[in-house]
Amino acid sequence: MKQKDIALIIVIVFISGVSSYFISNKFISSPKHDLKSAKVEPITSDFSEPSTAYYNDKSINPTQLIKIDDNNNDKPFTEGQ
């Protein structure tokens, strides 16, 4: 290759690189948006008391065992009892 050929290839690569950069920014890149996020309160070690409407000493405890009747039958699925 001659010096002119190498110089021509370098110029063509440079021009195609610059033109592809601007074309891709025009068609492919996303539009600029001014995004804002909500303000987040920092986590602290303070804990406020829960509402007394839901958590009080007279409320029903759903985790208690409910016993309907004494059942002494140790084989409930057998016939003839």
PDB file of N, CA and C in Angstrom:
ATOM      1  N   MET A   1       0.838  -1.175   0.000  1.00  0.00           N
ATOM      2  CA  MET A   1       0.000   0.000   0.000  1.00  0.00           C
ATOM      3  C   MET A   1       0.879   1.234   0.000  1.00  0.00           C
ATOM      4  N   LYS A   2       0.361   2.235  -0.605  1.00  0.00           N
ATOM      5  CA  LYS A   2       1.089   3.492  -0.655  1.00  0.00           C
ATOM      6  C   LYS A   2       0.655   4.379   0.503  1.00  0.00           C
ATOM      7  N   GLN A   3       1.379   5.426   0.744  1.00  0.00           N
ATOM      8  CA  GLN A   3       1.081   6.384   1.814  1.00  0.00           C
ATOM      9  C   GLN A   3      -0.285   7.032   1.595  1.00  0.00           C
ATOM     10  N   LYS A   4      -0.633   7.287   0.350  1.00  0.00           N
ATOM     11  CA  LYS A   4      -1.923   7.930   0.055  1.00  0.00           C
ATOM     12  C   LYS A   4      -3.087   7.003   0.420  1.00  0.00           C
ATOM     13  N   ASP A   5      -2.897   5.696   0.177  1.00  0.00           N
ATOM     14  CA  ASP A   5      -3.955   4.733   0.501  1.00  0.00           C
ATOM     15  C   ASP A   5      -4.186   4.664   2.015  1.00  0.00           C
ATOM     16  N   ILE A   6      -3.119   4.634   2.793  1.00  0.00           N
ATOM     17  CA  ILE A   6      -3.230   4.575   4.242  1.00  0.00           C
ATOM     18  C   ILE A   6      -3.879   5.848   4.781  1.00  0.00           C
ATOM     19  N   ALA A   7      -3.485   6.987   4.271  1.00  0.00           N
ATOM     20  CA  ALA A   7      -4.065   8.256   4.706  1.00  0.00           C
ATOM     21  C   ALA A   7      -5.548   8.311   4.345  1.00  0.00           C
ATOM     22  N   LEU A   8      -5.904   7.822   3.187  1.00  0.00           N
ATOM     23  CA  LEU A   8      -7.307   7.815   2.753  1.00  0.00           C
ATOM     24  C   LEU A   8      -8.143   6.895   3.647  1.00  0.00           C
ATOM     25  N   ILE A   9      -7.607   5.748   4.007  1.00  0.00           N
ATOM     26  CA  ILE A   9      -8.334   4.822   4.888  1.00  0.00           C
ATOM     27  C   ILE A   9      -8.534   5.456   6.269  1.00  0.00           C
ATOM     28  N   ILE A  10      -7.518   6.128   6.808  1.00  0.00           N
ATOM     29  CA  ILE A  10      -7.625   6.787   8.110  1.00  0.00           C
ATOM     30  C   ILE A  10      -8.676   7.889   8.068  1.00  0.00           C
ATOM     31  N   VAL A  11      -8.708   8.676   7.005  1.00  0.00           N
ATOM     32  CA  VAL A  11      -9.696   9.757   6.879  1.00  0.00           C
ATOM     33  C   VAL A  11     -11.107   9.181   6.772  1.00  0.00           C
ATOM     34  N   ILE A  12     -11.270   8.109   6.003  1.00  0.00           N
ATOM     35  CA  ILE A  12     -12.592   7.492   5.846  1.00  0.00           C
ATOM     36  C   ILE A  12     -13.074   6.909   7.177  1.00  0.00           C
ATOM     37  N   VAL A  13     -12.182   6.242   7.930  1.00  0.00           N
ATOM     38  CA  VAL A  13     -12.553   5.678   9.228  1.00  0.00           C
ATOM     39  C   VAL A  13     -12.937   6.796  10.203  1.00  0.00           C
ATOM     40  N   PHE A  14     -12.201   7.895  10.207  1.00  0.00           N
ATOM     41  CA  PHE A  14     -12.492   9.012  11.097  1.00  0.00           C
ATOM     42  C   PHE A  14     -13.842   9.641  10.767  1.00  0.00           C
ATOM     43  N   ILE A  15     -14.096   9.891   9.496  1.00  0.00           N
ATOM     44  CA  ILE A  15     -15.360  10.519   9.085  1.00  0.00           C
ATOM     45  C   ILE A  15     -16.543   9.579   9.384  1.00  0.00           C
ATOM     46  N   SER A  16     -16.392   8.287   9.099  1.00  0.00           N
ATOM     47  CA  SER A  16     -17.501   7.365   9.364  1.00  0.00           C
ATOM     48  C   SER A  16     -17.732   7.201  10.870  1.00  0.00           C
ATOM     49  N   GLY A  17     -16.676   7.244  11.690  1.00  0.00           N
ATOM     50  CA  GLY A  17     -16.841   7.159  13.140  1.00  0.00           C
ATOM     51  C   GLY A  17     -17.564   8.365  13.703  1.00  0.00           C
ATOM     52  N   VAL A  18     -17.179   9.553  13.273  1.00  0.00           N
ATOM     53  CA  VAL A  18     -17.829  10.775  13.763  1.00  0.00           C
ATOM     54  C   VAL A  18     -19.275  10.831  13.297  1.00  0.00           C
ATOM     55  N   SER A  19     -19.528  10.496  12.041  1.00  0.00           N
ATOM     56  CA  SER A  19     -20.910  10.556  11.534  1.00  0.00           C
ATOM     57  C   SER A  19     -21.786   9.501  12.218  1.00  0.00           C
ATOM     58  N   SER A  20     -21.258   8.302  12.467  1.00  0.00           N
ATOM     59  CA  SER A  20     -22.064   7.290  13.142  1.00  0.00           C
ATOM     60  C   SER A  20     -22.343   7.679  14.588  1.00  0.00           C
ATOM     61  N   TYR A  21     -21.437   8.373  15.248  1.00  0.00           N
ATOM     62  CA  TYR A  21     -21.662   8.853  16.611  1.00  0.00           C
ATOM     63  C   TYR A  21     -22.834   9.825  16.657  1.00  0.00           C
ATOM     64  N   PHE A  22     -22.851  10.802  15.765  1.00  0.00           N
ATOM     65  CA  PHE A  22     -23.932  11.795  15.766  1.00  0.00           C
ATOM     66  C   PHE A  22     -25.263  11.191  15.312  1.00  0.00           C
ATOM     67  N   ILE A  23     -25.233  10.292  14.348  1.00  0.00           N
ATOM     68  CA  ILE A  23     -26.472   9.660  13.886  1.00  0.00           C
ATOM     69  C   ILE A  23     -27.070   8.773  14.982  1.00  0.00           C
ATOM     70  N   SER A  24     -26.211   8.031  15.684  1.00  0.00           N
ATOM     71  CA  SER A  24     -26.734   7.171  16.740  1.00  0.00           C
ATOM     72  C   SER A  24     -27.275   7.991  17.905  1.00  0.00           C
ATOM     73  N   ASN A  25     -26.670   9.122  18.225  1.00  0.00           N
ATOM     74  CA  ASN A  25     -27.206   9.981  19.284  1.00  0.00           C
ATOM     75  C   ASN A  25     -28.548  10.578  18.889  1.00  0.00           C
ATOM     76  N   LYS A  26     -28.743  10.832  17.626  1.00  0.00           N
ATOM     77  CA  LYS A  26     -29.999  11.433  17.178  1.00  0.00           C
ATOM     78  C   LYS A  26     -31.146  10.423  17.189  1.00  0.00           C
ATOM     79  N   PHE A  27     -30.901   9.191  16.759  1.00  0.00           N
ATOM     80  CA  PHE A  27     -31.977   8.222  16.594  1.00  0.00           C
ATOM     81  C   PHE A  27     -32.078   7.187  17.709  1.00  0.00           C
ATOM     82  N   ILE A  28     -30.992   6.812  18.327  1.00  0.00           N
ATOM     83  CA  ILE A  28     -31.011   5.704  19.269  1.00  0.00           C
ATOM     84  C   ILE A  28     -31.084   6.167  20.721  1.00  0.00           C
ATOM     85  N   SER A  29     -30.427   7.233  21.058  1.00  0.00           N
ATOM     86  CA  SER A  29     -30.361   7.638  22.466  1.00  0.00           C
ATOM     87  C   SER A  29     -31.729   8.068  22.986  1.00  0.00           C
ATOM     88  N   SER A  30     -31.926   7.877  24.286  1.00  0.00           N
ATOM     89  CA  SER A  30     -33.193   8.238  24.904  1.00  0.00           C
ATOM     90  C   SER A  30     -33.219   9.739  25.196  1.00  0.00           C
ATOM     91  N   PRO A  31     -34.401  10.320  25.241  1.00  0.00           N
ATOM     92  CA  PRO A  31     -34.487  11.753  25.534  1.00  0.00           C
ATOM     93  C   PRO A  31     -34.091  12.045  26.975  1.00  0.00           C
ATOM     94  N   LYS A  32     -33.630  13.218  27.200  1.00  0.00           N
ATOM     95  CA  LYS A  32     -33.207  13.629  28.533  1.00  0.00           C
ATOM     96  C   LYS A  32     -34.458  13.939  29.366  1.00  0.00           C
ATOM     97  N   HIS A  33     -34.548  13.316  30.525  1.00  0.00           N
ATOM     98  CA  HIS A  33     -35.666  13.551  31.435  1.00  0.00           C
ATOM     99  C   HIS A  33     -35.122  14.056  32.757  1.00  0.00           C
ATOM    100  N   ASP A  34     -35.870  14.909  33.371  1.00  0.00           N
ATOM    101  CA  ASP A  34     -35.510  15.389  34.701  1.00  0.00           C
ATOM    102  C   ASP A  34     -36.262  14.525  35.710  1.00  0.00           C
ATOM    103  N   LEU A  35     -35.626  13.449  36.143  1.00  0.00           N
ATOM    104  CA  LEU A  35     -36.283  12.500  37.035  1.00  0.00           C
ATOM    105  C   LEU A  35     -36.088  12.936  38.480  1.00  0.00           C
ATOM    106  N   LYS A  36     -37.160  12.823  39.246  1.00  0.00           N
ATOM    107  CA  LYS A  36     -37.109  13.164  40.657  1.00  0.00           C
ATOM    108  C   LYS A  36     -37.678  12.008  41.456  1.00  0.00           C
ATOM    109  N   SER A  37     -37.129  11.787  42.619  1.00  0.00           N
ATOM    110  CA  SER A  37     -37.615  10.707  43.470  1.00  0.00           C
ATOM    111  C   SER A  37     -38.243  11.282  44.726  1.00  0.00           C
ATOM    112  N   ALA A  38     -39.008  10.452  45.375  1.00  0.00           N
ATOM    113  CA  ALA A  38     -39.664  10.875  46.609  1.00  0.00           C
ATOM    114  C   ALA A  38     -38.633  10.940  47.733  1.00  0.00           C
ATOM    115  N   LYS A  39     -38.873  11.823  48.684  1.00  0.00           N
ATOM    116  CA  LYS A  39     -37.965  11.965  49.810  1.00  0.00           C
ATOM    117  C   LYS A  39     -38.189  10.799  50.768  1.00  0.00           C
ATOM    118  N   VAL A  40     -37.111  10.166  51.163  1.00  0.00           N
ATOM    119  CA  VAL A  40     -37.185   9.013  52.051  1.00  0.00           C
ATOM    120  C   VAL A  40     -36.706   9.447  53.430  1.00  0.00           C
ATOM    121  N   GLU A  41     -37.513   9.121  54.426  1.00  0.00           N
ATOM    122  CA  GLU A  41     -37.145   9.461  55.798  1.00  0.00           C
ATOM    123  C   GLU A  41     -36.078   8.493  56.286  1.00  0.00           C
ATOM    124  N   PRO A  42     -35.116   8.966  57.027  1.00  0.00           N
ATOM    125  CA  PRO A  42     -34.069   8.056  57.523  1.00  0.00           C
ATOM    126  C   PRO A  42     -34.617   7.111  58.592  1.00  0.00           C
ATOM    127  N   ILE A  43     -33.990   5.963  58.700  1.00  0.00           N
ATOM    128  CA  ILE A  43     -34.397   4.963  59.687  1.00  0.00           C
ATOM    129  C   ILE A  43     -33.802   5.343  61.036  1.00  0.00           C
ATOM    130  N   THR A  44     -34.641   5.317  62.062  1.00  0.00           N
ATOM    131  CA  THR A  44     -34.177   5.639  63.406  1.00  0.00           C
ATOM    132  C   THR A  44     -34.471   4.478  64.342  1.00  0.00           C
ATOM    133  N   SER A  45     -33.909   4.529  65.518  1.00  0.00           N
ATOM    134  CA  SER A  45     -34.143   3.476  66.501  1.00  0.00           C
ATOM    135  C   SER A  45     -35.378   3.763  67.353  1.00  0.00           C
ATOM    136  N   ASP A  46     -36.032   4.885  67.136  1.00  0.00           N
ATOM    137  CA  ASP A  46     -37.245   5.210  67.882  1.00  0.00           C
ATOM    138  C   ASP A  46     -38.418   4.380  67.350  1.00  0.00           C
ATOM    139  N   PHE A  47     -39.240   3.897  68.286  1.00  0.00           N
ATOM    140  CA  PHE A  47     -40.404   3.095  67.900  1.00  0.00           C
ATOM    141  C   PHE A  47     -41.610   3.636  68.626  1.00  0.00           C
ATOM    142  N   SER A  48     -42.593   4.066  67.879  1.00  0.00           N
ATOM    143  CA  SER A  48     -43.800   4.607  68.492  1.00  0.00           C
ATOM    144  C   SER A  48     -44.741   3.464  68.861  1.00  0.00           C
ATOM    145  N   GLU A  49     -45.569   3.705  69.832  1.00  0.00           N
ATOM    146  CA  GLU A  49     -46.534   2.702  70.273  1.00  0.00           C
ATOM    147  C   GLU A  49     -47.584   2.480  69.180  1.00  0.00           C
ATOM    148  N   PRO A  50     -48.039   1.232  68.994  1.00  0.00           N
ATOM    149  CA  PRO A  50     -49.077   0.983  67.995  1.00  0.00           C
ATOM    150  C   PRO A  50     -50.418   1.557  68.444  1.00  0.00           C
ATOM    151  N   SER A  51     -51.330   1.651  67.521  1.00  0.00           N
ATOM    152  CA  SER A  51     -52.644   2.219  67.787  1.00  0.00           C
ATOM    153  C   SER A  51     -53.399   1.375  68.816  1.00  0.00           C
ATOM    154  N   THR A  52     -53.995   2.031  69.779  1.00  0.00           N
ATOM    155  CA  THR A  52     -54.766   1.318  70.800  1.00  0.00           C
ATOM    156  C   THR A  52     -56.098   0.813  70.266  1.00  0.00           C
ATOM    157  N   ALA A  53     -56.501   1.260  69.095  1.00  0.00           N
ATOM    158  CA  ALA A  53     -57.733   0.754  68.502  1.00  0.00           C
ATOM    159  C   ALA A  53     -57.573  -0.711  68.089  1.00  0.00           C
ATOM    160  N   TYR A  54     -56.372  -1.122  67.758  1.00  0.00           N
ATOM    161  CA  TYR A  54     -56.131  -2.492  67.313  1.00  0.00           C
ATOM    162  C   TYR A  54     -55.368  -3.317  68.353  1.00  0.00           C
ATOM    163  N   TYR A  55     -54.468  -2.698  69.074  1.00  0.00           N
ATOM    164  CA  TYR A  55     -53.628  -3.412  70.032  1.00  0.00           C
ATOM    165  C   TYR A  55     -53.967  -2.930  71.439  1.00  0.00           C
ATOM    166  N   ASN A  56     -54.808  -3.694  72.131  1.00  0.00           N
ATOM    167  CA  ASN A  56     -55.154  -3.370  73.509  1.00  0.00           C
ATOM    168  C   ASN A  56     -55.302  -4.655  74.304  1.00  0.00           C
ATOM    169  N   ASP A  57     -55.487  -4.525  75.591  1.00  0.00           N
ATOM    170  CA  ASP A  57     -55.550  -5.712  76.444  1.00  0.00           C
ATOM    171  C   ASP A  57     -56.886  -6.448  76.351  1.00  0.00           C
ATOM    172  N   LYS A  58     -57.901  -5.872  75.712  1.00  0.00           N
ATOM    173  CA  LYS A  58     -59.207  -6.514  75.594  1.00  0.00           C
ATOM    174  C   LYS A  58     -59.436  -7.138  74.210  1.00  0.00           C
ATOM    175  N   SER A  59     -58.474  -7.072  73.347  1.00  0.00           N
ATOM    176  CA  SER A  59     -58.666  -7.613  72.007  1.00  0.00           C
ATOM    177  C   SER A  59     -58.527  -9.137  72.004  1.00  0.00           C
ATOM    178  N   ILE A  60     -59.045  -9.775  70.970  1.00  0.00           N
ATOM    179  CA  ILE A  60     -59.023 -11.232  70.850  1.00  0.00           C
ATOM    180  C   ILE A  60     -57.660 -11.653  70.320  1.00  0.00           C
ATOM    181  N   ASN A  61     -57.115 -12.682  70.925  1.00  0.00           N
ATOM    182  CA  ASN A  61     -55.838 -13.217  70.478  1.00  0.00           C
ATOM    183  C   ASN A  61     -56.112 -14.336  69.475  1.00  0.00           C
ATOM    184  N   PRO A  62     -55.856 -14.145  68.190  1.00  0.00           N
ATOM    185  CA  PRO A  62     -56.186 -15.170  67.191  1.00  0.00           C
ATOM    186  C   PRO A  62     -55.237 -16.365  67.220  1.00  0.00           C
ATOM    187  N   THR A  63     -54.165 -16.301  67.991  1.00  0.00           N
ATOM    188  CA  THR A  63     -53.225 -17.417  68.034  1.00  0.00           C
ATOM    189  C   THR A  63     -53.526 -18.405  69.137  1.00  0.00           C
ATOM    190  N   GLN A  64     -54.560 -18.175  69.938  1.00  0.00           N
ATOM    191  CA  GLN A  64     -54.905 -19.099  71.017  1.00  0.00           C
ATOM    192  C   GLN A  64     -55.550 -20.353  70.451  1.00  0.00           C
ATOM    193  N   LEU A  65     -55.309 -21.451  71.135  1.00  0.00           N
ATOM    194  CA  LEU A  65     -55.898 -22.720  70.738  1.00  0.00           C
ATOM    195  C   LEU A  65     -57.387 -22.717  71.084  1.00  0.00           C
ATOM    196  N   ILE A  66     -58.206 -23.066  70.115  1.00  0.00           N
ATOM    197  CA  ILE A  66     -59.648 -23.113  70.325  1.00  0.00           C
ATOM    198  C   ILE A  66     -60.043 -24.554  70.609  1.00  0.00           C
ATOM    199  N   LYS A  67     -60.600 -24.786  71.782  1.00  0.00           N
ATOM    200  CA  LYS A  67     -61.011 -26.126  72.183  1.00  0.00           C
ATOM    201  C   LYS A  67     -62.533 -26.140  72.247  1.00  0.00           C
ATOM    202  N   ILE A  68     -63.165 -26.954  71.397  1.00  0.00           N
ATOM    203  CA  ILE A  68     -64.621 -26.995  71.323  1.00  0.00           C
ATOM    204  C   ILE A  68     -65.195 -27.996  72.319  1.00  0.00           C
ATOM    205  N   ASP A  69     -64.627 -29.180  72.419  1.00  0.00           N
ATOM    206  CA  ASP A  69     -65.157 -30.221  73.298  1.00  0.00           C
ATOM    207  C   ASP A  69     -64.017 -31.171  73.646  1.00  0.00           C
ATOM    208  N   ASP A  70     -64.172 -31.880  74.757  1.00  0.00           N
ATOM    209  CA  ASP A  70     -63.187 -32.898  75.102  1.00  0.00           C
ATOM    210  C   ASP A  70     -63.328 -34.053  74.130  1.00  0.00           C
ATOM    211  N   ASN A  71     -62.259 -34.420  73.498  1.00  0.00           N
ATOM    212  CA  ASN A  71     -62.283 -35.514  72.545  1.00  0.00           C
ATOM    213  C   ASN A  71     -61.279 -36.560  73.015  1.00  0.00           C
ATOM    214  N   ASN A  72     -61.794 -37.660  73.507  1.00  0.00           N
ATOM    215  CA  ASN A  72     -60.931 -38.725  73.989  1.00  0.00           C
ATOM    216  C   ASN A  72     -60.733 -39.819  72.945  1.00  0.00           C
ATOM    217  N   ASN A  73     -61.274 -39.641  71.766  1.00  0.00           N
ATOM    218  CA  ASN A  73     -61.168 -40.631  70.703  1.00  0.00           C
ATOM    219  C   ASN A  73     -59.808 -40.485  70.035  1.00  0.00           C
ATOM    220  N   ASP A  74     -58.950 -41.489  70.199  1.00  0.00           N
ATOM    221  CA  ASP A  74     -57.623 -41.417  69.606  1.00  0.00           C
ATOM    222  C   ASP A  74     -57.590 -41.954  68.177  1.00  0.00           C
ATOM    223  N   LYS A  75     -58.729 -42.560  67.714  1.00  0.00           N
ATOM    224  CA  LYS A  75     -58.832 -43.057  66.328  1.00  0.00           C
ATOM    225  C   LYS A  75     -60.108 -42.508  65.733  1.00  0.00           C
ATOM    226  N   PRO A  76     -60.114 -41.285  65.260  1.00  0.00           N
ATOM    227  CA  PRO A  76     -61.380 -40.659  64.823  1.00  0.00           C
ATOM    228  C   PRO A  76     -61.927 -41.184  63.500  1.00  0.00           C
ATOM    229  N   PHE A  77     -61.127 -41.877  62.702  1.00  0.00           N
ATOM    230  CA  PHE A  77     -61.584 -42.281  61.385  1.00  0.00           C
ATOM    231  C   PHE A  77     -61.898 -43.768  61.302  1.00  0.00           C
ATOM    232  N   THR A  78     -62.137 -44.405  62.428  1.00  0.00           N
ATOM    233  CA  THR A  78     -62.510 -45.817  62.402  1.00  0.00           C
ATOM    234  C   THR A  78     -64.014 -45.946  62.591  1.00  0.00           C
ATOM    235  N   GLU A  79     -64.574 -47.042  62.053  1.00  0.00           N
ATOM    236  CA  GLU A  79     -66.017 -47.245  62.134  1.00  0.00           C
ATOM    237  C   GLU A  79     -66.410 -47.922  63.444  1.00  0.00           C
ATOM    238  N   GLY A  80     -67.641 -47.796  63.806  1.00  0.00           N
ATOM    239  CA  GLY A  80     -68.227 -48.515  64.909  1.00  0.00           C
ATOM    240  C   GLY A  80     -67.845 -47.972  66.265  1.00  0.00           C
ATOM    241  N   GLN A  81     -67.952 -46.740  66.429  1.00  0.00           N
ATOM    242  CA  GLN A  81     -67.610 -46.189  67.734  1.00  0.00           C
ATOM    243  C   GLN A  81     -68.798 -45.806  68.498  1.00  0.00           C
TER     244      GLN A  81
END
